[in-house]
Amino acid sequence: MKLNKHMSVKGQIKDRGRIKWTAMMLTEHVDMLKEWQEEDRYNSRPALNEFDLEAIFEEIQLAYKRQCDVEIRIWREGPQTFTGLIAAVDMRLKKLHLDTGLHMQKLSFEEIIGAKTLE
């Protein structure tokens, strides 16, 4: 039995999944389904436990001490990514000042969902 990328085998049944139904759909329906899948992918903020938050904090501290580029992922009605140097960390206001080269971004600690140093 030859399998292609659209075919899966479950027991003795060969199944093409959603591919078999798209022939009966209008292009507008297919476009609407694709948009719907994109919305589902980004509608919920990832839940971070204390280990994740500690790892993010350590990565930010390391990038600040070394003054190296850092990639920070935040959540503002969906995921966003900023890359730059950490200029300051304001613990009183719970803000991070990130110099992206074009302008200074002020990021709240509550918005940050990930950090990675770039070396």
C-alpha atoms as a PDB file:
ATOM      1  CA  MET A   1       0.000   0.000   0.000  1.00  0.00           C
ATOM      2  CA  LYS A   2       1.484   3.326  -1.043  1.00  0.00           C
ATOM      3  CA  LEU A   3       0.994   6.192   1.394  1.00  0.00           C
ATOM      4  CA  ASN A   4       1.289   9.857   0.572  1.00  0.00           C
ATOM      5  CA  LYS A   5       1.482  12.846   2.891  1.00  0.00           C
ATOM      6  CA  HIS A   6      -2.312  13.176   3.069  1.00  0.00           C
ATOM      7  CA  MET A   7      -3.065   9.541   3.847  1.00  0.00           C
ATOM      8  CA  SER A   8      -2.980   7.798   7.194  1.00  0.00           C
ATOM      9  CA  VAL A   9      -3.704   4.194   8.059  1.00  0.00           C
ATOM     10  CA  LYS A  10      -5.758   3.318  11.111  1.00  0.00           C
ATOM     11  CA  GLY A  11      -5.995  -0.462  11.301  1.00  0.00           C
ATOM     12  CA  GLN A  12      -7.309  -1.645   7.929  1.00  0.00           C
ATOM     13  CA  ILE A  13      -8.800   1.742   6.998  1.00  0.00           C
ATOM     14  CA  LYS A  14      -6.993   4.173   4.714  1.00  0.00           C
ATOM     15  CA  ASP A  15      -8.078   7.697   5.535  1.00  0.00           C
ATOM     16  CA  ARG A  16      -7.334  10.999   3.845  1.00  0.00           C
ATOM     17  CA  GLY A  17      -8.661  13.066   6.760  1.00  0.00           C
ATOM     18  CA  ARG A  18     -10.022  16.489   5.757  1.00  0.00           C
ATOM     19  CA  ILE A  19      -8.615  16.218   2.233  1.00  0.00           C
ATOM     20  CA  LYS A  20     -11.577  14.120   1.091  1.00  0.00           C
ATOM     21  CA  TRP A  21     -14.059  16.829   2.142  1.00  0.00           C
ATOM     22  CA  THR A  22     -12.356  19.820   0.536  1.00  0.00           C
ATOM     23  CA  ALA A  23     -13.460  18.728  -2.925  1.00  0.00           C
ATOM     24  CA  MET A  24     -17.069  19.338  -1.868  1.00  0.00           C
ATOM     25  CA  MET A  25     -16.377  22.742  -0.313  1.00  0.00           C
ATOM     26  CA  LEU A  26     -16.318  26.137  -1.888  1.00  0.00           C
ATOM     27  CA  THR A  27     -13.071  28.079  -1.789  1.00  0.00           C
ATOM     28  CA  GLU A  28     -14.689  30.525   0.640  1.00  0.00           C
ATOM     29  CA  HIS A  29     -15.335  27.667   3.058  1.00  0.00           C
ATOM     30  CA  VAL A  30     -11.750  26.454   2.836  1.00  0.00           C
ATOM     31  CA  ASP A  31     -10.476  30.013   3.468  1.00  0.00           C
ATOM     32  CA  MET A  32     -12.783  30.390   6.458  1.00  0.00           C
ATOM     33  CA  LEU A  33     -11.545  27.082   7.915  1.00  0.00           C
ATOM     34  CA  LYS A  34      -7.909  28.206   7.542  1.00  0.00           C
ATOM     35  CA  GLU A  35      -8.659  31.516   9.289  1.00  0.00           C
ATOM     36  CA  TRP A  36     -10.457  29.664  12.057  1.00  0.00           C
ATOM     37  CA  GLN A  37      -7.455  27.386  12.617  1.00  0.00           C
ATOM     38  CA  GLU A  38      -5.132  30.414  12.788  1.00  0.00           C
ATOM     39  CA  GLU A  39      -7.371  32.059  15.407  1.00  0.00           C
ATOM     40  CA  ASP A  40      -7.392  28.895  17.516  1.00  0.00           C
ATOM     41  CA  ARG A  41      -3.615  28.733  17.462  1.00  0.00           C
ATOM     42  CA  TYR A  42      -3.124  32.153  19.133  1.00  0.00           C
ATOM     43  CA  ASN A  43      -6.163  32.813  21.293  1.00  0.00           C
ATOM     44  CA  SER A  44      -4.911  31.672  24.683  1.00  0.00           C
ATOM     45  CA  ARG A  45      -1.959  32.862  26.714  1.00  0.00           C
ATOM     46  CA  PRO A  46       0.402  30.054  27.731  1.00  0.00           C
ATOM     47  CA  ALA A  47       0.256  29.151  31.407  1.00  0.00           C
ATOM     48  CA  LEU A  48       3.627  29.561  33.107  1.00  0.00           C
ATOM     49  CA  ASN A  49       4.501  27.801  36.347  1.00  0.00           C
ATOM     50  CA  GLU A  50       7.118  29.023  38.814  1.00  0.00           C
ATOM     51  CA  PHE A  51       9.899  26.990  37.158  1.00  0.00           C
ATOM     52  CA  ASP A  52       9.210  28.690  33.814  1.00  0.00           C
ATOM     53  CA  LEU A  53       9.146  32.127  35.444  1.00  0.00           C
ATOM     54  CA  GLU A  54      12.427  31.414  37.248  1.00  0.00           C
ATOM     55  CA  ALA A  55      14.095  30.296  33.998  1.00  0.00           C
ATOM     56  CA  ILE A  56      12.883  33.457  32.226  1.00  0.00           C
ATOM     57  CA  PHE A  57      14.160  35.631  35.090  1.00  0.00           C
ATOM     58  CA  GLU A  58      17.580  33.925  35.026  1.00  0.00           C
ATOM     59  CA  GLU A  59      17.841  34.393  31.259  1.00  0.00           C
ATOM     60  CA  ILE A  60      16.988  38.098  31.594  1.00  0.00           C
ATOM     61  CA  GLN A  61      19.544  38.549  34.396  1.00  0.00           C
ATOM     62  CA  LEU A  62      22.231  36.826  32.330  1.00  0.00           C
ATOM     63  CA  ALA A  63      21.527  38.999  29.288  1.00  0.00           C
ATOM     64  CA  TYR A  64      21.506  42.167  31.414  1.00  0.00           C
ATOM     65  CA  LYS A  65      24.822  41.377  33.124  1.00  0.00           C
ATOM     66  CA  ARG A  66      26.559  40.373  29.889  1.00  0.00           C
ATOM     67  CA  GLN A  67      24.954  43.174  27.860  1.00  0.00           C
ATOM     68  CA  CYS A  68      24.226  40.777  25.003  1.00  0.00           C
ATOM     69  CA  ASP A  69      21.226  40.651  22.684  1.00  0.00           C
ATOM     70  CA  VAL A  70      18.138  38.960  24.012  1.00  0.00           C
ATOM     71  CA  GLU A  71      14.946  37.801  22.320  1.00  0.00           C
ATOM     72  CA  ILE A  72      11.917  38.438  24.515  1.00  0.00           C
ATOM     73  CA  ARG A  73       8.502  36.967  23.738  1.00  0.00           C
ATOM     74  CA  ILE A  74       5.503  38.772  25.202  1.00  0.00           C
ATOM     75  CA  TRP A  75       1.748  38.321  25.088  1.00  0.00           C
ATOM     76  CA  ARG A  76      -0.355  41.293  23.947  1.00  0.00           C
ATOM     77  CA  GLU A  77      -3.561  39.964  22.419  1.00  0.00           C
ATOM     78  CA  GLY A  78      -1.288  37.360  20.826  1.00  0.00           C
ATOM     79  CA  PRO A  79       2.407  36.485  20.844  1.00  0.00           C
ATOM     80  CA  GLN A  80       4.972  39.142  19.878  1.00  0.00           C
ATOM     81  CA  THR A  81       8.756  39.011  19.779  1.00  0.00           C
ATOM     82  CA  PHE A  82      11.271  41.801  20.453  1.00  0.00           C
ATOM     83  CA  THR A  83      15.041  41.588  20.077  1.00  0.00           C
ATOM     84  CA  GLY A  84      17.577  43.991  21.569  1.00  0.00           C
ATOM     85  CA  LEU A  85      19.707  44.932  24.569  1.00  0.00           C
ATOM     86  CA  ILE A  86      18.276  45.269  28.053  1.00  0.00           C
ATOM     87  CA  ALA A  87      18.908  48.897  29.050  1.00  0.00           C
ATOM     88  CA  ALA A  88      17.338  48.784  32.513  1.00  0.00           C
ATOM     89  CA  VAL A  89      15.241  46.631  34.814  1.00  0.00           C
ATOM     90  CA  ASP A  90      12.856  48.607  37.013  1.00  0.00           C
ATOM     91  CA  MET A  91      11.818  46.377  39.910  1.00  0.00           C
ATOM     92  CA  ARG A  92       9.632  49.061  41.493  1.00  0.00           C
ATOM     93  CA  LEU A  93       7.428  49.538  38.417  1.00  0.00           C
ATOM     94  CA  LYS A  94       7.944  45.932  37.250  1.00  0.00           C
ATOM     95  CA  LYS A  95       9.103  47.065  33.805  1.00  0.00           C
ATOM     96  CA  LEU A  96      11.907  46.016  31.510  1.00  0.00           C
ATOM     97  CA  HIS A  97      13.482  48.622  29.198  1.00  0.00           C
ATOM     98  CA  LEU A  98      14.610  46.988  25.946  1.00  0.00           C
ATOM     99  CA  ASP A  99      16.667  48.936  23.396  1.00  0.00           C
ATOM    100  CA  THR A 100      15.716  47.479  19.998  1.00  0.00           C
ATOM    101  CA  GLY A 101      17.963  49.852  18.056  1.00  0.00           C
ATOM    102  CA  LEU A 102      15.056  51.863  16.661  1.00  0.00           C
ATOM    103  CA  HIS A 103      13.448  52.872  19.929  1.00  0.00           C
ATOM    104  CA  MET A 104      13.107  51.878  23.572  1.00  0.00           C
ATOM    105  CA  GLN A 105      10.437  49.311  24.416  1.00  0.00           C
ATOM    106  CA  LYS A 106       8.987  49.235  27.923  1.00  0.00           C
ATOM    107  CA  LEU A 107       7.759  45.728  28.683  1.00  0.00           C
ATOM    108  CA  SER A 108       5.780  44.768  31.756  1.00  0.00           C
ATOM    109  CA  PHE A 109       6.889  41.694  33.688  1.00  0.00           C
ATOM    110  CA  GLU A 110       3.362  40.265  33.441  1.00  0.00           C
ATOM    111  CA  GLU A 111       3.516  40.349  29.616  1.00  0.00           C
ATOM    112  CA  ILE A 112       6.741  38.327  29.290  1.00  0.00           C
ATOM    113  CA  ILE A 113       6.229  34.682  28.337  1.00  0.00           C
ATOM    114  CA  GLY A 114       9.758  33.794  27.202  1.00  0.00           C
ATOM    115  CA  ALA A 115      13.364  34.995  26.956  1.00  0.00           C
ATOM    116  CA  LYS A 116      16.430  33.714  25.147  1.00  0.00           C
ATOM    117  CA  THR A 117      19.927  35.216  24.964  1.00  0.00           C
ATOM    118  CA  LEU A 118      21.462  35.528  21.518  1.00  0.00           C
ATOM    119  CA  GLU A 119      25.233  35.099  21.346  1.00  0.00           C
END
